[in-house]
């Protein structure tokens, strides 16, 4: 009798944990979004502003961040 009462509790706990882990994977939701890292040379904040402005001029670009110290531009864009 104890096992009959314990079985629904175990099934309920299992289903809660499965739904929680299924919702934590956000990469499945952003199938049409890509991220690229590009090496871009520059030395000052004006180069940063010019680089990011030029990247944002492209219609599909959602985010463009240039890091002066690592000299990399991280672009997030959509495919459609």
C-alpha atoms as a PDB file:
ATOM      1  CA  UNK A   1       0.000   0.000   0.000  1.00  0.00           C
ATOM      2  CA  UNK A   2       2.901   2.314   0.757  1.00  0.00           C
ATOM      3  CA  UNK A   3       4.398   1.747  -2.671  1.00  0.00           C
ATOM      4  CA  UNK A   4       1.098   2.629  -4.368  1.00  0.00           C
ATOM      5  CA  UNK A   5       1.072   6.015  -2.591  1.00  0.00           C
ATOM      6  CA  UNK A   6       4.761   6.577  -3.270  1.00  0.00           C
ATOM      7  CA  UNK A   7       4.536   5.908  -7.017  1.00  0.00           C
ATOM      8  CA  UNK A   8       2.423   9.020  -7.887  1.00  0.00           C
ATOM      9  CA  UNK A   9       4.745  11.193  -5.793  1.00  0.00           C
ATOM     10  CA  UNK A  10       7.781   9.895  -7.672  1.00  0.00           C
ATOM     11  CA  UNK A  11       6.080  10.403 -11.039  1.00  0.00           C
ATOM     12  CA  UNK A  12       5.097  13.956 -10.089  1.00  0.00           C
ATOM     13  CA  UNK A  13       8.631  14.804  -8.951  1.00  0.00           C
ATOM     14  CA  UNK A  14      10.090  13.301 -12.130  1.00  0.00           C
ATOM     15  CA  UNK A  15       7.773  15.305 -14.378  1.00  0.00           C
ATOM     16  CA  UNK A  16       8.560  18.568 -12.540  1.00  0.00           C
ATOM     17  CA  UNK A  17      12.317  18.036 -12.905  1.00  0.00           C
ATOM     18  CA  UNK A  18      11.972  17.141 -16.588  1.00  0.00           C
ATOM     19  CA  UNK A  19       9.986  20.275 -17.419  1.00  0.00           C
ATOM     20  CA  UNK A  20      12.413  22.483 -15.480  1.00  0.00           C
ATOM     21  CA  UNK A  21      15.431  21.152 -17.333  1.00  0.00           C
ATOM     22  CA  UNK A  22      13.695  21.384 -20.695  1.00  0.00           C
ATOM     23  CA  UNK A  23      13.036  25.106 -20.232  1.00  0.00           C
ATOM     24  CA  UNK A  24      16.591  25.994 -19.242  1.00  0.00           C
ATOM     25  CA  UNK A  25      18.075  25.351 -22.710  1.00  0.00           C
ATOM     26  CA  UNK A  26      17.735  28.702 -24.490  1.00  0.00           C
ATOM     27  CA  UNK A  27      19.874  27.757 -27.494  1.00  0.00           C
ATOM     28  CA  UNK A  28      16.982  25.808 -28.990  1.00  0.00           C
ATOM     29  CA  UNK A  29      14.811  28.939 -29.056  1.00  0.00           C
ATOM     30  CA  UNK A  30      17.332  31.058 -30.977  1.00  0.00           C
ATOM     31  CA  UNK A  31      17.873  28.873 -34.013  1.00  0.00           C
ATOM     32  CA  UNK A  32      18.091  31.788 -36.471  1.00  0.00           C
ATOM     33  CA  UNK A  33      20.508  33.847 -34.324  1.00  0.00           C
ATOM     34  CA  UNK A  34      24.270  33.511 -34.856  1.00  0.00           C
ATOM     35  CA  UNK A  35      27.278  34.926 -33.001  1.00  0.00           C
ATOM     36  CA  UNK A  36      30.608  35.669 -34.665  1.00  0.00           C
ATOM     37  CA  UNK A  37      33.932  36.938 -33.308  1.00  0.00           C
ATOM     38  CA  UNK A  38      36.034  38.985 -35.715  1.00  0.00           C
ATOM     39  CA  UNK A  39      39.551  40.384 -35.229  1.00  0.00           C
ATOM     40  CA  UNK A  40      39.426  44.171 -35.774  1.00  0.00           C
ATOM     41  CA  UNK A  41      42.442  46.417 -35.191  1.00  0.00           C
ATOM     42  CA  UNK A  42      42.058  49.760 -33.438  1.00  0.00           C
ATOM     43  CA  UNK A  43      43.565  51.861 -30.676  1.00  0.00           C
ATOM     44  CA  UNK A  44      41.014  54.281 -29.235  1.00  0.00           C
ATOM     45  CA  UNK A  45      37.370  54.931 -28.396  1.00  0.00           C
ATOM     46  CA  UNK A  46      36.773  56.562 -31.788  1.00  0.00           C
ATOM     47  CA  UNK A  47      37.748  53.282 -33.457  1.00  0.00           C
ATOM     48  CA  UNK A  48      35.296  51.497 -31.148  1.00  0.00           C
ATOM     49  CA  UNK A  49      32.488  53.868 -32.103  1.00  0.00           C
ATOM     50  CA  UNK A  50      33.249  53.633 -35.838  1.00  0.00           C
ATOM     51  CA  UNK A  51      33.478  49.840 -35.765  1.00  0.00           C
ATOM     52  CA  UNK A  52      30.230  49.349 -33.861  1.00  0.00           C
ATOM     53  CA  UNK A  53      28.387  51.938 -35.981  1.00  0.00           C
ATOM     54  CA  UNK A  54      29.525  50.233 -39.173  1.00  0.00           C
ATOM     55  CA  UNK A  55      28.375  46.855 -37.849  1.00  0.00           C
ATOM     56  CA  UNK A  56      24.959  48.244 -36.859  1.00  0.00           C
ATOM     57  CA  UNK A  57      24.557  49.601 -40.400  1.00  0.00           C
ATOM     58  CA  UNK A  58      23.934  46.032 -41.546  1.00  0.00           C
ATOM     59  CA  UNK A  59      20.220  45.309 -41.215  1.00  0.00           C
ATOM     60  CA  UNK A  60      20.456  41.822 -39.672  1.00  0.00           C
ATOM     61  CA  UNK A  61      22.908  42.826 -36.894  1.00  0.00           C
ATOM     62  CA  UNK A  62      21.273  42.806 -33.455  1.00  0.00           C
ATOM     63  CA  UNK A  63      24.357  43.503 -31.320  1.00  0.00           C
ATOM     64  CA  UNK A  64      27.945  44.606 -31.993  1.00  0.00           C
ATOM     65  CA  UNK A  65      30.506  44.994 -29.222  1.00  0.00           C
ATOM     66  CA  UNK A  66      34.173  45.744 -29.874  1.00  0.00           C
ATOM     67  CA  UNK A  67      36.715  45.170 -27.107  1.00  0.00           C
ATOM     68  CA  UNK A  68      39.736  47.464 -27.472  1.00  0.00           C
ATOM     69  CA  UNK A  69      42.083  45.280 -25.411  1.00  0.00           C
ATOM     70  CA  UNK A  70      41.443  41.947 -27.108  1.00  0.00           C
ATOM     71  CA  UNK A  71      40.818  43.662 -30.496  1.00  0.00           C
ATOM     72  CA  UNK A  72      37.779  41.454 -31.191  1.00  0.00           C
ATOM     73  CA  UNK A  73      34.342  42.421 -32.433  1.00  0.00           C
ATOM     74  CA  UNK A  74      31.484  40.213 -31.248  1.00  0.00           C
ATOM     75  CA  UNK A  75      28.493  40.395 -33.597  1.00  0.00           C
ATOM     76  CA  UNK A  76      25.098  38.827 -32.947  1.00  0.00           C
ATOM     77  CA  UNK A  77      22.938  38.677 -36.048  1.00  0.00           C
ATOM     78  CA  UNK A  78      19.845  36.958 -37.365  1.00  0.00           C
ATOM     79  CA  UNK A  79      19.804  34.860 -40.505  1.00  0.00           C
ATOM     80  CA  UNK A  80      16.393  36.049 -41.644  1.00  0.00           C
END
